[in-house]
Amino acid sequence: MDKFQTLKQMMQTNKMAFDYNFTMMMATYEQNKLMLHMFLNQSTDIPAEAKDAIETWLQSYRKGCENLKKMTDEGYQAVEKSMESSKE
């Protein structure tokens, strides 16, 4: 097995690990979001402004996670492309 094939397998393993961890992170986010919404809906002493701020924070967090995933995928594609071009 040549070094490029070994490096490619390492990158694929790293990407698979990242994808799995990202999926688990987003599943945890969704569960926590549901629990937080249940808490906020049942609580009567939290002002509406605070609820709006929490919702904005949750949306920002989700957008940041999606941007992280997008940038990571683009990074893996760039590395694979550069590995292919250096192989030739």
C-alpha atoms as a PDB file:
ATOM      1  CA  MET A   1       0.000   0.000   0.000  1.00  0.00           C
ATOM      2  CA  ASP A   2       1.478   3.338  -0.987  1.00  0.00           C
ATOM      3  CA  LYS A   3       1.653   6.397   1.238  1.00  0.00           C
ATOM      4  CA  PHE A   4      -1.083   8.276  -0.632  1.00  0.00           C
ATOM      5  CA  GLN A   5      -3.572   5.456  -0.124  1.00  0.00           C
ATOM      6  CA  THR A   6      -2.662   5.358   3.574  1.00  0.00           C
ATOM      7  CA  LEU A   7      -3.107   9.129   3.919  1.00  0.00           C
ATOM      8  CA  LYS A   8      -6.409   8.980   2.070  1.00  0.00           C
ATOM      9  CA  GLN A   9      -7.691   6.277   4.416  1.00  0.00           C
ATOM     10  CA  MET A  10      -6.577   8.337   7.416  1.00  0.00           C
ATOM     11  CA  MET A  11      -8.457  11.376   6.099  1.00  0.00           C
ATOM     12  CA  GLN A  12     -11.571   9.292   5.446  1.00  0.00           C
ATOM     13  CA  THR A  13     -11.395   7.897   8.972  1.00  0.00           C
ATOM     14  CA  ASN A  14     -11.027  11.395  10.432  1.00  0.00           C
ATOM     15  CA  LYS A  15     -13.946  12.667   8.355  1.00  0.00           C
ATOM     16  CA  MET A  16     -16.109   9.732   9.411  1.00  0.00           C
ATOM     17  CA  ALA A  17     -15.256  10.393  13.083  1.00  0.00           C
ATOM     18  CA  PHE A  18     -16.064  14.097  12.697  1.00  0.00           C
ATOM     19  CA  ASP A  19     -19.358  13.339  10.951  1.00  0.00           C
ATOM     20  CA  TYR A  20     -20.353  10.911  13.695  1.00  0.00           C
ATOM     21  CA  ASN A  21     -19.445  13.376  16.453  1.00  0.00           C
ATOM     22  CA  PHE A  22     -21.254  16.190  14.672  1.00  0.00           C
ATOM     23  CA  THR A  23     -24.378  14.041  14.345  1.00  0.00           C
ATOM     24  CA  MET A  24     -24.271  13.230  18.043  1.00  0.00           C
ATOM     25  CA  MET A  25     -23.666  16.895  18.926  1.00  0.00           C
ATOM     26  CA  MET A  26     -26.703  17.974  16.905  1.00  0.00           C
ATOM     27  CA  ALA A  27     -28.855  15.224  18.436  1.00  0.00           C
ATOM     28  CA  THR A  28     -27.866  16.437  21.895  1.00  0.00           C
ATOM     29  CA  TYR A  29     -28.623  20.001  20.832  1.00  0.00           C
ATOM     30  CA  GLU A  30     -32.112  18.997  19.675  1.00  0.00           C
ATOM     31  CA  GLN A  31     -32.848  17.146  22.916  1.00  0.00           C
ATOM     32  CA  ASN A  32     -31.639  20.052  25.027  1.00  0.00           C
ATOM     33  CA  LYS A  33     -33.631  22.483  22.908  1.00  0.00           C
ATOM     34  CA  LEU A  34     -36.812  20.484  23.484  1.00  0.00           C
ATOM     35  CA  MET A  35     -36.178  20.314  27.221  1.00  0.00           C
ATOM     36  CA  LEU A  36     -35.454  24.039  27.356  1.00  0.00           C
ATOM     37  CA  HIS A  37     -38.632  24.866  25.443  1.00  0.00           C
ATOM     38  CA  MET A  38     -40.670  22.679  27.802  1.00  0.00           C
ATOM     39  CA  PHE A  39     -39.105  24.460  30.770  1.00  0.00           C
ATOM     40  CA  LEU A  40     -39.672  27.907  29.278  1.00  0.00           C
ATOM     41  CA  ASN A  41     -43.284  27.137  28.374  1.00  0.00           C
ATOM     42  CA  GLN A  42     -44.067  25.871  31.879  1.00  0.00           C
ATOM     43  CA  SER A  43     -42.283  28.692  33.680  1.00  0.00           C
ATOM     44  CA  THR A  44     -44.434  31.728  34.333  1.00  0.00           C
ATOM     45  CA  ASP A  45     -41.832  34.022  35.868  1.00  0.00           C
ATOM     46  CA  ILE A  46     -39.487  34.291  32.862  1.00  0.00           C
ATOM     47  CA  PRO A  47     -40.125  37.466  30.834  1.00  0.00           C
ATOM     48  CA  ALA A  48     -40.862  37.293  27.121  1.00  0.00           C
ATOM     49  CA  GLU A  49     -37.658  39.222  26.337  1.00  0.00           C
ATOM     50  CA  ALA A  50     -35.598  36.512  28.012  1.00  0.00           C
ATOM     51  CA  LYS A  51     -37.426  33.814  26.053  1.00  0.00           C
ATOM     52  CA  ASP A  52     -36.740  35.700  22.823  1.00  0.00           C
ATOM     53  CA  ALA A  53     -33.071  36.091  23.754  1.00  0.00           C
ATOM     54  CA  ILE A  54     -32.769  32.360  24.432  1.00  0.00           C
ATOM     55  CA  GLU A  55     -34.425  31.543  21.117  1.00  0.00           C
ATOM     56  CA  THR A  56     -32.040  33.899  19.298  1.00  0.00           C
ATOM     57  CA  TRP A  57     -29.113  32.272  21.078  1.00  0.00           C
ATOM     58  CA  LEU A  58     -30.303  28.803  20.052  1.00  0.00           C
ATOM     59  CA  GLN A  59     -30.686  29.886  16.430  1.00  0.00           C
ATOM     60  CA  SER A  60     -27.201  31.418  16.452  1.00  0.00           C
ATOM     61  CA  TYR A  61     -25.745  28.239  17.941  1.00  0.00           C
ATOM     62  CA  ARG A  62     -27.405  26.087  15.274  1.00  0.00           C
ATOM     63  CA  LYS A  63     -26.196  28.381  12.493  1.00  0.00           C
ATOM     64  CA  GLY A  64     -22.671  28.247  13.923  1.00  0.00           C
ATOM     65  CA  CYS A  65     -22.796  24.449  13.977  1.00  0.00           C
ATOM     66  CA  GLU A  66     -23.983  24.343  10.375  1.00  0.00           C
ATOM     67  CA  ASN A  67     -21.190  26.719   9.357  1.00  0.00           C
ATOM     68  CA  LEU A  68     -18.652  24.527  11.170  1.00  0.00           C
ATOM     69  CA  LYS A  69     -19.902  21.468   9.298  1.00  0.00           C
ATOM     70  CA  LYS A  70     -19.782  23.288   5.967  1.00  0.00           C
ATOM     71  CA  MET A  71     -16.244  24.598   6.544  1.00  0.00           C
ATOM     72  CA  THR A  72     -15.027  21.195   7.702  1.00  0.00           C
ATOM     73  CA  ASP A  73     -16.498  19.452   4.662  1.00  0.00           C
ATOM     74  CA  GLU A  74     -14.895  22.037   2.374  1.00  0.00           C
ATOM     75  CA  GLY A  75     -11.575  21.534   4.169  1.00  0.00           C
ATOM     76  CA  TYR A  76     -11.698  17.774   3.702  1.00  0.00           C
ATOM     77  CA  GLN A  77     -12.546  18.240   0.018  1.00  0.00           C
ATOM     78  CA  ALA A  78      -9.615  20.632  -0.412  1.00  0.00           C
ATOM     79  CA  VAL A  79      -7.223  18.191   1.248  1.00  0.00           C
ATOM     80  CA  GLU A  80      -8.453  15.317  -0.905  1.00  0.00           C
ATOM     81  CA  LYS A  81      -8.132  17.438  -4.034  1.00  0.00           C
ATOM     82  CA  SER A  82      -4.590  18.485  -3.143  1.00  0.00           C
ATOM     83  CA  MET A  83      -3.665  14.880  -2.367  1.00  0.00           C
ATOM     84  CA  GLU A  84      -4.967  13.779  -5.746  1.00  0.00           C
ATOM     85  CA  SER A  85      -3.086  16.529  -7.568  1.00  0.00           C
ATOM     86  CA  SER A  86       0.171  15.789  -5.721  1.00  0.00           C
ATOM     87  CA  LYS A  87      -0.191  12.079  -6.512  1.00  0.00           C
ATOM     88  CA  GLU A  88       0.151  12.761 -10.218  1.00  0.00           C
END
